[in-house]
Amino acid sequence: MTFKTLSLASLSVFVLSACQMAPPREDIVLPVPDSYAIQSEQGNTADLRWQQFFANEKLQHLIEQTLAHNKDLKLAALNVQQVRALYQIEDSALYPSIDFAASGTRQRLPADLSSTGNAQISQSYSATVGMTAYELDLWGKVRNQSEQALQTLYASEQTQTSVKISLISELVSAWLNYAADKEQLALAMQTLKSQQASLALTEKTYALGAASKLTLAQIESTVATAKVDIANYQRLLMRDKNALDLLVGQPVSAKLLPVESLDEVLNFPSVPVGLPSELLEQRPDIKAAEFQLLAANANIGVAKAAFFPSISLTANAGSASSDLDNLFSSGSGTWSFMPSITIPIFNMGRNQANLDVAQTQQQIALTTYEQTIQQAFKEVSDALADRDGYMQQLSALEDLYNSNQVSFTLSEARFEKGADSYLQVLDAQRNWYSAGQQLISGKKAYITSQISLYKAVGGGWQRSAQQDE
């Protein structure tokens, strides 16, 4: 082996084993509790895909349309595409860029400028292959730049999944709002129909002198109240439809809107919450924060490498000739080799400031990572508390509704027999109507808590995303 070969081999080994300026990855004590305060079903949430969780066929069609047409999701996908291209740019700096260049010149020199006193025509041609300003990654600067871009790409992919989770959850909630407002409208219309029948009967008895003006006015007020509620819920239904159109990204077909009652519209399976430690792998926002922390860690290596010399190589080899026919003839070969080194001496503390910024950003990323974990555990705990609390509340609301319905029926019977005034009927009817509204709101709140729990544990979304793609 010649000395030249040995030197190149040694240089290659030195470059490949270049210094790593990024700090080593240290174990972090994460704020992860051993268990949740409220016990729940154990299991792998990732196995419960959204197609299984949202079993309603209309809702599944809406979700599929949303994944295809929603603009927020499209922007998230484009952002991932952009970050992937930026990573490819950074990663390409690890390798020399080889270019082929060919040129030719032909020039006439006038006689008064020629050394011979005669006009001359000069020409030259060249064809070369070479690299320009390839930086030897002695201190790991380029590798850390590539690593930082790669971790940022991973974070953007997880952010895209987070957008998908939030989008689908928001879509289902909007669809649920439509179903609840539709049921509230049906209750108001049922009340109006009943009160209009009572008003017609009372108007006849009033004309005969068997009913007082006060009783007639009281019934008229209940009719007016029901009409106000009907107009309000009709307005809310139009707003709910507008919200669905925006989320889906196109007008929603009427056949995909809910027509069933809340008891039938959604029947969710039990959500296996699992252990708190499993949340670190299930929540895409936690993963995104972790990747951002790794990116910030690599950025410290980039800042540290700025304190050391930078060596760049520019070289080319080819052929040159004054005659195009002889461009590739023997003896026309040409080459050049131009190494350069840049050594930082004095820059008013800029390199140190850049390092301070990188280290501070790393601490910010670490704190954000820990905060994201704490927020995730809070969301799961809140969802568990809401689910159990709304389930107990729903049972009480059903009892309240049933008791008020009995009271309303008995009050009407006593009024018809003359045992009570219509004031007692009016109070009973208002209580029954209010209990019916509360029951519908309670059903909606309970269903929403189940959706929130499924979203909070990050279940089933990532697997479905991979299969959909």
Protein backbone atom coordinates (compact mmCIF):
# COMPACT_ATOMS: atom_id res chain seq x y z
CA MET A 1 0.00 0.00 0.00
CA THR A 2 1.46 3.33 -0.99
CA PHE A 3 1.72 6.29 1.33
CA LYS A 4 -0.92 8.11 -0.71
CA THR A 5 -3.34 5.20 -0.40
CA LEU A 6 -2.63 4.92 3.31
CA SER A 7 -3.24 8.61 3.82
CA LEU A 8 -6.58 8.48 1.99
CA ALA A 9 -7.63 5.41 3.97
CA SER A 10 -6.65 7.06 7.24
CA LEU A 11 -8.52 10.19 6.25
CA SER A 12 -11.63 8.13 5.43
CA VAL A 13 -11.51 6.38 8.80
CA PHE A 14 -11.03 9.71 10.53
CA VAL A 15 -13.99 11.25 8.75
CA LEU A 16 -16.23 8.27 9.43
CA SER A 17 -15.30 8.31 13.10
CA ALA A 18 -15.66 12.07 13.38
CA CYS A 19 -16.34 13.65 16.74
CA GLN A 20 -19.94 13.70 17.93
CA MET A 21 -20.64 17.12 19.41
CA ALA A 22 -24.29 16.52 20.27
CA PRO A 23 -24.80 15.65 23.96
CA PRO A 24 -25.59 11.97 24.62
CA ARG A 25 -29.21 11.01 25.13
CA GLU A 26 -29.85 10.80 28.85
CA ASP A 27 -32.62 8.99 30.66
CA ILE A 28 -35.33 11.43 31.69
CA VAL A 29 -37.46 10.95 34.77
CA LEU A 30 -40.90 11.46 33.28
CA PRO A 31 -43.99 12.52 35.27
CA VAL A 32 -45.78 9.22 34.64
CA PRO A 33 -48.07 7.91 37.43
CA ASP A 34 -48.41 4.18 38.10
CA SER A 35 -52.16 4.16 37.47
CA TYR A 36 -55.16 6.39 36.90
CA ALA A 37 -57.30 7.50 39.82
CA ILE A 38 -60.34 5.89 38.19
CA GLN A 39 -59.99 2.23 37.29
CA SER A 40 -60.87 1.32 33.72
CA GLU A 41 -60.73 -1.59 31.33
CA GLN A 42 -57.22 -2.75 30.50
CA GLY A 43 -56.12 -3.61 26.99
CA ASN A 44 -54.43 -2.27 23.87
CA THR A 45 -56.30 0.81 22.71
CA ALA A 46 -54.48 0.77 19.37
CA ASP A 47 -56.38 -2.41 18.45
CA LEU A 48 -59.69 -0.53 18.62
CA ARG A 49 -59.74 1.22 15.24
CA TRP A 50 -62.01 4.18 14.59
CA GLN A 51 -64.03 2.07 12.13
CA GLN A 52 -64.90 -0.21 15.05
CA PHE A 53 -65.42 2.58 17.55
CA PHE A 54 -67.68 4.66 15.29
CA ALA A 55 -69.86 1.82 14.07
CA ASN A 56 -72.59 4.02 12.55
CA GLU A 57 -72.39 3.64 8.75
CA LYS A 58 -73.41 7.25 8.03
CA LEU A 59 -70.71 8.53 10.33
CA GLN A 60 -68.10 6.25 8.77
CA HIS A 61 -68.91 7.64 5.31
CA LEU A 62 -68.57 11.18 6.66
CA ILE A 63 -65.20 10.37 8.24
CA GLU A 64 -63.93 8.94 4.97
CA GLN A 65 -65.05 12.06 3.09
CA THR A 66 -63.40 14.25 5.70
CA LEU A 67 -60.08 12.41 5.39
CA ALA A 68 -60.24 12.98 1.63
CA HIS A 69 -61.42 16.58 1.43
CA ASN A 70 -60.70 18.49 4.65
CA LYS A 71 -58.35 21.42 4.04
CA ASP A 72 -56.68 21.40 7.47
CA LEU A 73 -55.68 17.79 6.94
CA LYS A 74 -54.44 18.59 3.45
CA LEU A 75 -52.29 21.42 4.84
CA ALA A 76 -50.84 19.06 7.44
CA ALA A 77 -49.95 16.55 4.71
CA LEU A 78 -48.33 19.28 2.61
CA ASN A 79 -46.33 20.40 5.62
CA VAL A 80 -44.99 16.86 6.05
CA GLN A 81 -44.11 16.78 2.37
CA GLN A 82 -42.21 20.05 2.72
CA VAL A 83 -40.30 18.92 5.82
CA ARG A 84 -39.40 15.63 4.10
CA ALA A 85 -37.88 17.59 1.21
CA LEU A 86 -35.94 19.79 3.65
CA TYR A 87 -34.55 16.66 5.30
CA GLN A 88 -33.41 15.34 1.94
CA ILE A 89 -31.61 18.64 1.33
CA GLU A 90 -29.79 18.44 4.67
CA ASP A 91 -28.99 14.74 4.28
CA SER A 92 -27.51 15.27 0.81
CA ALA A 93 -24.75 17.42 2.36
CA LEU A 94 -23.25 14.24 3.84
CA TYR A 95 -22.12 13.21 0.37
CA PRO A 96 -20.04 15.05 -2.23
CA SER A 97 -21.91 16.58 -5.11
CA ILE A 98 -20.44 15.46 -8.45
CA ASP A 99 -21.07 17.70 -11.44
CA PHE A 100 -20.13 17.52 -15.10
CA ALA A 101 -19.23 20.79 -16.79
CA ALA A 102 -18.41 21.48 -20.43
CA SER A 103 -17.50 24.86 -21.88
CA GLY A 104 -16.11 26.40 -24.98
CA THR A 105 -14.88 29.89 -25.86
CA ARG A 106 -13.92 31.52 -29.13
CA GLN A 107 -12.50 35.07 -29.14
CA ARG A 108 -11.16 37.48 -31.75
CA LEU A 109 -8.37 39.84 -30.69
CA PRO A 110 -7.98 42.97 -32.89
CA ALA A 111 -4.60 43.79 -34.42
CA ASP A 112 -3.88 46.84 -32.22
CA LEU A 113 -4.21 44.64 -29.11
CA SER A 114 -2.32 41.67 -30.49
CA SER A 115 1.36 41.20 -29.62
CA THR A 116 2.03 40.21 -33.23
CA GLY A 117 0.32 43.20 -34.75
CA ASN A 118 -2.14 40.96 -36.55
CA ALA A 119 -5.73 40.09 -35.66
CA GLN A 120 -5.95 36.76 -33.89
CA ILE A 121 -8.74 34.32 -33.09
CA SER A 122 -8.27 32.20 -29.97
CA GLN A 123 -10.40 29.30 -28.84
CA SER A 124 -10.48 26.82 -25.96
CA TYR A 125 -12.69 23.88 -24.91
CA SER A 126 -12.93 21.88 -21.72
CA ALA A 127 -14.92 19.04 -20.20
CA THR A 128 -14.51 18.28 -16.48
CA VAL A 129 -16.07 16.24 -13.68
CA GLY A 130 -15.64 17.45 -10.13
CA MET A 131 -17.02 18.47 -6.78
CA THR A 132 -17.33 21.91 -5.28
CA ALA A 133 -16.85 22.92 -1.62
CA TYR A 134 -17.51 19.49 -0.09
CA GLU A 135 -17.17 19.92 3.67
CA LEU A 136 -15.39 17.18 5.59
CA ASP A 137 -17.66 16.38 8.51
CA LEU A 138 -14.85 16.13 11.08
CA TRP A 139 -16.93 17.43 14.00
CA GLY A 140 -20.32 15.94 13.12
CA LYS A 141 -21.84 19.26 12.06
CA VAL A 142 -23.38 17.97 8.84
CA ARG A 143 -24.56 14.75 10.45
CA ASN A 144 -26.23 16.65 13.26
CA GLN A 145 -27.91 18.96 10.75
CA SER A 146 -29.24 15.89 8.98
CA GLU A 147 -30.32 14.35 12.30
CA GLN A 148 -32.08 17.55 13.32
CA ALA A 149 -33.98 17.62 10.02
CA LEU A 150 -34.87 13.91 10.34
CA GLN A 151 -36.28 14.31 13.86
CA THR A 152 -38.24 17.37 12.70
CA LEU A 153 -39.69 15.22 9.92
CA TYR A 154 -40.75 12.58 12.43
CA ALA A 155 -42.35 15.29 14.59
CA SER A 156 -44.29 16.70 11.62
CA GLU A 157 -45.61 13.23 10.79
CA GLN A 158 -46.86 12.83 14.35
CA THR A 159 -48.37 16.31 14.21
CA GLN A 160 -50.24 15.26 11.09
CA THR A 161 -51.69 12.33 13.04
CA SER A 162 -52.68 14.71 15.86
CA VAL A 163 -54.50 16.88 13.34
CA LYS A 164 -56.34 13.81 12.08
CA ILE A 165 -57.35 12.81 15.61
CA SER A 166 -58.63 16.30 16.46
CA LEU A 167 -60.40 16.59 13.11
CA ILE A 168 -62.29 13.31 13.38
CA SER A 169 -63.19 14.01 17.00
CA GLU A 170 -64.48 17.45 16.03
CA LEU A 171 -66.46 15.98 13.14
CA VAL A 172 -68.15 13.39 15.37
CA SER A 173 -68.93 16.07 17.96
CA ALA A 174 -70.50 18.28 15.26
CA TRP A 175 -72.53 15.33 13.99
CA LEU A 176 -73.59 14.63 17.57
CA ASN A 177 -74.63 18.28 18.01
CA TYR A 178 -76.88 17.93 14.98
CA ALA A 179 -78.46 14.75 16.39
CA ALA A 180 -79.02 16.36 19.80
CA ASP A 181 -80.51 19.56 18.37
CA LYS A 182 -82.74 17.48 16.11
CA GLU A 183 -84.04 15.60 19.13
CA GLN A 184 -84.54 18.87 21.02
CA LEU A 185 -86.50 20.16 18.04
CA ALA A 186 -88.66 17.03 18.04
CA LEU A 187 -89.38 17.51 21.77
CA ALA A 188 -90.30 21.16 21.22
CA MET A 189 -92.59 20.24 18.32
CA GLN A 190 -94.23 17.51 20.40
CA THR A 191 -94.81 20.05 23.17
CA LEU A 192 -96.21 22.58 20.71
CA LYS A 193 -98.63 20.03 19.26
CA SER A 194 -99.87 19.10 22.71
CA GLN A 195 -100.25 22.73 23.78
CA GLN A 196 -102.05 23.70 20.58
CA ALA A 197 -104.57 20.95 21.20
CA SER A 198 -105.04 22.21 24.77
CA LEU A 199 -105.37 25.78 23.50
CA ALA A 200 -108.05 24.82 20.97
CA LEU A 201 -110.06 23.03 23.66
CA THR A 202 -109.65 25.89 26.17
CA GLU A 203 -110.76 28.46 23.57
CA LYS A 204 -113.99 26.53 23.13
CA THR A 205 -114.62 26.26 26.88
CA TYR A 206 -113.75 29.94 27.30
CA ALA A 207 -116.29 30.87 24.65
CA LEU A 208 -118.86 28.90 26.63
CA GLY A 209 -117.79 30.61 29.85
CA ALA A 210 -116.38 27.43 31.41
CA ALA A 211 -112.74 28.64 31.42
CA SER A 212 -111.21 31.85 32.71
CA LYS A 213 -109.23 34.42 30.75
CA LEU A 214 -106.22 33.64 32.97
CA THR A 215 -106.26 29.96 32.00
CA LEU A 216 -106.48 30.88 28.32
CA ALA A 217 -103.56 33.31 28.63
CA GLN A 218 -101.46 30.72 30.46
CA ILE A 219 -101.95 28.16 27.68
CA GLU A 220 -101.20 30.78 25.03
CA SER A 221 -97.88 31.48 26.78
CA THR A 222 -96.90 27.81 26.64
CA VAL A 223 -97.68 27.73 22.92
CA ALA A 224 -95.55 30.84 22.32
CA THR A 225 -92.66 29.38 24.35
CA ALA A 226 -92.70 26.18 22.30
CA LYS A 227 -92.67 28.21 19.07
CA VAL A 228 -89.64 30.18 20.31
CA ASP A 229 -87.79 26.95 21.09
CA ILE A 230 -88.67 25.48 17.70
CA ALA A 231 -87.28 28.52 15.89
CA ASN A 232 -84.13 28.37 18.03
CA TYR A 233 -83.45 24.70 17.33
CA GLN A 234 -84.15 25.14 13.62
CA ARG A 235 -81.51 27.88 13.62
CA LEU A 236 -79.05 25.65 15.50
CA LEU A 237 -79.62 22.80 13.04
CA MET A 238 -78.65 25.06 10.13
CA ARG A 239 -75.50 26.13 11.99
CA ASP A 240 -74.69 22.48 12.78
CA LYS A 241 -75.03 21.65 9.07
CA ASN A 242 -72.69 24.52 8.17
CA ALA A 243 -70.12 23.24 10.67
CA LEU A 244 -70.30 19.76 9.16
CA ASP A 245 -69.86 21.14 5.63
CA LEU A 246 -66.72 23.00 6.71
CA LEU A 247 -65.20 20.01 8.49
CA VAL A 248 -65.92 17.58 5.67
CA GLY A 249 -64.65 20.04 3.06
CA GLN A 250 -67.76 19.74 0.87
CA PRO A 251 -71.56 19.89 1.30
CA VAL A 252 -72.82 16.99 3.40
CA SER A 253 -75.55 14.91 1.80
CA ALA A 254 -78.87 14.86 3.68
CA LYS A 255 -78.80 11.06 3.71
CA LEU A 256 -75.66 11.17 5.88
CA LEU A 257 -77.24 13.34 8.56
CA PRO A 258 -78.50 11.61 11.74
CA VAL A 259 -82.20 10.84 11.86
CA GLU A 260 -82.17 8.40 14.77
CA SER A 261 -82.53 9.34 18.43
CA LEU A 262 -79.46 9.67 20.62
CA ASP A 263 -80.26 6.25 22.08
CA GLU A 264 -79.72 4.70 18.64
CA VAL A 265 -77.38 7.02 16.81
CA LEU A 266 -74.12 5.92 18.44
CA ASN A 267 -73.34 2.79 20.39
CA PHE A 268 -69.70 2.89 21.47
CA PRO A 269 -67.68 -0.10 22.62
CA SER A 270 -65.78 0.09 25.87
CA VAL A 271 -62.47 1.97 25.61
CA PRO A 272 -59.48 0.00 26.98
CA VAL A 273 -57.45 2.76 28.59
CA GLY A 274 -54.45 0.64 29.60
CA LEU A 275 -51.61 1.77 31.83
CA PRO A 276 -50.34 5.37 32.01
CA SER A 277 -46.94 4.29 30.65
CA GLU A 278 -48.64 3.06 27.46
CA LEU A 279 -49.88 6.57 26.78
CA LEU A 280 -46.34 7.62 25.81
CA GLU A 281 -46.53 5.35 22.77
CA GLN A 282 -50.17 5.96 21.88
CA ARG A 283 -50.41 9.76 21.88
CA PRO A 284 -48.94 11.32 18.71
CA ASP A 285 -48.53 14.73 20.36
CA ILE A 286 -46.24 13.15 22.99
CA LYS A 287 -44.23 11.47 20.26
CA ALA A 288 -44.00 14.75 18.35
CA ALA A 289 -42.67 16.52 21.45
CA GLU A 290 -40.12 13.74 21.93
CA PHE A 291 -38.87 14.08 18.35
CA GLN A 292 -38.62 17.85 18.78
CA LEU A 293 -36.47 17.23 21.85
CA LEU A 294 -34.16 14.98 19.84
CA ALA A 295 -33.98 17.61 17.10
CA ALA A 296 -33.01 20.27 19.64
CA ASN A 297 -30.37 17.91 21.03
CA ALA A 298 -28.82 17.51 17.57
CA ASN A 299 -28.87 21.26 17.08
CA ILE A 300 -26.52 21.61 20.06
CA GLY A 301 -24.00 19.49 18.13
CA VAL A 302 -24.29 21.85 15.17
CA ALA A 303 -23.63 24.87 17.41
CA LYS A 304 -20.62 23.21 19.08
CA ALA A 305 -19.05 22.30 15.72
CA ALA A 306 -18.91 26.00 14.81
CA PHE A 307 -16.04 26.41 17.34
CA PHE A 308 -13.76 24.11 15.29
CA PRO A 309 -12.07 24.46 11.91
CA SER A 310 -14.06 23.76 8.77
CA ILE A 311 -12.32 21.98 5.89
CA SER A 312 -13.79 22.02 2.40
CA LEU A 313 -12.60 20.30 -0.74
CA THR A 314 -13.02 21.45 -4.33
CA ALA A 315 -11.59 19.25 -7.06
CA ASN A 316 -12.16 18.49 -10.72
CA ALA A 317 -10.58 16.46 -13.47
CA GLY A 318 -11.16 16.37 -17.20
CA SER A 319 -9.80 17.41 -20.52
CA ALA A 320 -9.00 20.79 -22.09
CA SER A 321 -7.80 21.79 -25.54
CA SER A 322 -7.65 24.73 -27.88
CA ASP A 323 -9.08 22.51 -30.61
CA LEU A 324 -12.42 20.82 -30.22
CA ASP A 325 -11.26 17.84 -32.29
CA ASN A 326 -8.40 17.20 -29.87
CA LEU A 327 -10.44 17.71 -26.67
CA PHE A 328 -10.16 14.07 -25.62
CA SER A 329 -6.83 13.32 -27.24
CA SER A 330 -3.86 12.00 -25.31
CA GLY A 331 -2.12 14.65 -23.27
CA SER A 332 -5.17 16.93 -22.96
CA GLY A 333 -5.94 15.87 -19.42
CA THR A 334 -6.35 18.51 -16.71
CA TRP A 335 -7.10 18.47 -12.99
CA SER A 336 -7.24 20.76 -10.00
CA PHE A 337 -7.43 20.20 -6.25
CA MET A 338 -8.25 23.12 -3.94
CA PRO A 339 -8.66 22.31 -0.25
CA SER A 340 -9.58 25.17 2.07
CA ILE A 341 -9.74 25.54 5.82
CA THR A 342 -11.63 28.11 7.87
CA ILE A 343 -10.63 28.62 11.49
CA PRO A 344 -12.83 30.77 13.74
CA ILE A 345 -10.72 33.33 15.60
CA PHE A 346 -12.88 36.25 16.63
CA ASN A 347 -16.60 36.86 15.99
CA MET A 348 -17.74 38.90 19.00
CA GLY A 349 -19.08 35.84 20.85
CA ARG A 350 -21.48 34.84 18.07
CA ASN A 351 -20.63 31.14 18.24
CA GLN A 352 -21.06 31.09 22.01
CA ALA A 353 -24.38 32.89 21.69
CA ASN A 354 -25.55 30.36 19.10
CA LEU A 355 -24.58 27.56 21.48
CA ASP A 356 -26.46 29.25 24.34
CA VAL A 357 -29.53 29.54 22.11
CA ALA A 358 -29.31 25.86 21.12
CA GLN A 359 -28.96 24.74 24.73
CA THR A 360 -31.87 26.94 25.81
CA GLN A 361 -34.00 25.57 22.98
CA GLN A 362 -33.15 22.07 24.15
CA GLN A 363 -34.34 22.91 27.67
CA ILE A 364 -37.50 24.44 26.22
CA ALA A 365 -38.11 21.27 24.19
CA LEU A 366 -37.55 19.15 27.31
CA THR A 367 -39.99 21.22 29.36
CA THR A 368 -42.52 21.12 26.51
CA TYR A 369 -42.15 17.34 26.34
CA GLU A 370 -42.81 16.98 30.08
CA GLN A 371 -45.70 19.43 29.89
CA THR A 372 -47.24 17.54 26.98
CA ILE A 373 -47.12 14.33 29.00
CA GLN A 374 -48.76 15.98 32.00
CA GLN A 375 -51.45 17.50 29.80
CA ALA A 376 -52.12 14.11 28.21
CA PHE A 377 -52.58 12.43 31.59
CA LYS A 378 -54.89 15.23 32.68
CA GLU A 379 -57.02 14.79 29.55
CA VAL A 380 -57.32 11.04 30.11
CA SER A 381 -58.16 11.51 33.80
CA ASP A 382 -60.72 14.21 32.98
CA ALA A 383 -62.29 12.01 30.31
CA LEU A 384 -62.54 9.09 32.75
CA ALA A 385 -64.11 11.35 35.38
CA ASP A 386 -66.55 12.79 32.83
CA ARG A 387 -67.54 9.37 31.54
CA ASP A 388 -68.30 7.97 35.00
CA GLY A 389 -69.88 11.19 36.23
CA TYR A 390 -72.12 11.67 33.18
CA MET A 391 -73.15 8.01 33.30
CA GLN A 392 -74.40 8.44 36.89
CA GLN A 393 -75.93 11.80 36.01
CA LEU A 394 -77.72 10.28 33.02
CA SER A 395 -79.35 7.67 35.25
CA ALA A 396 -80.60 10.42 37.57
CA LEU A 397 -81.86 12.49 34.61
CA GLU A 398 -83.87 9.54 33.34
CA ASP A 399 -85.51 9.18 36.76
CA LEU A 400 -86.19 12.93 36.82
CA TYR A 401 -87.77 12.85 33.37
CA ASN A 402 -89.98 9.85 34.21
CA SER A 403 -91.18 11.35 37.50
CA ASN A 404 -92.00 14.69 35.86
CA GLN A 405 -93.86 12.90 33.07
CA VAL A 406 -96.04 11.13 35.67
CA SER A 407 -96.57 14.42 37.50
CA PHE A 408 -97.61 16.15 34.26
CA THR A 409 -100.07 13.38 33.38
CA LEU A 410 -101.65 13.46 36.84
CA SER A 411 -101.90 17.26 36.83
CA GLU A 412 -103.73 17.21 33.49
CA ALA A 413 -106.16 14.62 34.84
CA ARG A 414 -106.85 16.65 38.00
CA PHE A 415 -107.36 19.82 35.93
CA GLU A 416 -109.82 18.10 33.61
CA LYS A 417 -111.83 16.99 36.69
CA GLY A 418 -111.69 20.48 38.20
CA ALA A 419 -109.54 19.47 41.18
CA ASP A 420 -106.67 21.87 40.31
CA SER A 421 -106.21 25.10 38.43
CA TYR A 422 -104.28 25.19 35.17
CA LEU A 423 -101.37 26.79 37.04
CA GLN A 424 -100.47 23.38 38.49
CA VAL A 425 -100.66 21.86 34.99
CA LEU A 426 -98.47 24.61 33.61
CA ASP A 427 -95.81 24.09 36.27
CA ALA A 428 -95.87 20.32 35.73
CA GLN A 429 -95.63 20.76 31.97
CA ARG A 430 -92.68 23.15 32.28
CA ASN A 431 -90.88 20.78 34.63
CA TRP A 432 -91.49 17.85 32.27
CA TYR A 433 -90.29 19.84 29.25
CA SER A 434 -87.20 21.05 31.11
CA ALA A 435 -86.43 17.51 32.29
CA GLY A 436 -86.72 16.28 28.70
CA GLN A 437 -84.24 18.93 27.53
CA GLN A 438 -81.84 18.06 30.34
CA LEU A 439 -82.09 14.36 29.48
CA ILE A 440 -81.15 15.01 25.85
CA SER A 441 -78.25 17.22 26.95
CA GLY A 442 -77.17 14.53 29.42
CA LYS A 443 -77.14 11.85 26.70
CA LYS A 444 -75.09 14.14 24.49
CA ALA A 445 -72.62 14.88 27.31
CA TYR A 446 -72.18 11.18 28.07
CA ILE A 447 -71.55 10.29 24.42
CA THR A 448 -69.14 13.23 24.10
CA SER A 449 -67.19 11.98 27.13
CA GLN A 450 -66.74 8.60 25.42
CA ILE A 451 -65.43 10.32 22.29
CA SER A 452 -63.10 12.46 24.40
CA LEU A 453 -61.75 9.38 26.18
CA TYR A 454 -61.06 7.58 22.91
CA LYS A 455 -59.30 10.69 21.61
CA ALA A 456 -57.35 11.23 24.85
CA VAL A 457 -55.81 7.76 24.84
CA GLY A 458 -54.87 8.08 21.15
CA GLY A 459 -56.49 4.78 20.28
CA GLY A 460 -56.71 3.23 16.85
CA TRP A 461 -55.82 6.27 14.79
CA GLN A 462 -52.26 5.50 13.79
CA ARG A 463 -53.02 2.01 12.58
CA SER A 464 -55.96 3.18 10.52
CA ALA A 465 -53.86 5.97 9.01
CA GLN A 466 -51.22 3.53 7.80
CA GLN A 467 -53.80 1.19 6.32
CA ASP A 468 -55.70 4.04 4.66
CA GLU A 469 -52.50 5.30 3.05
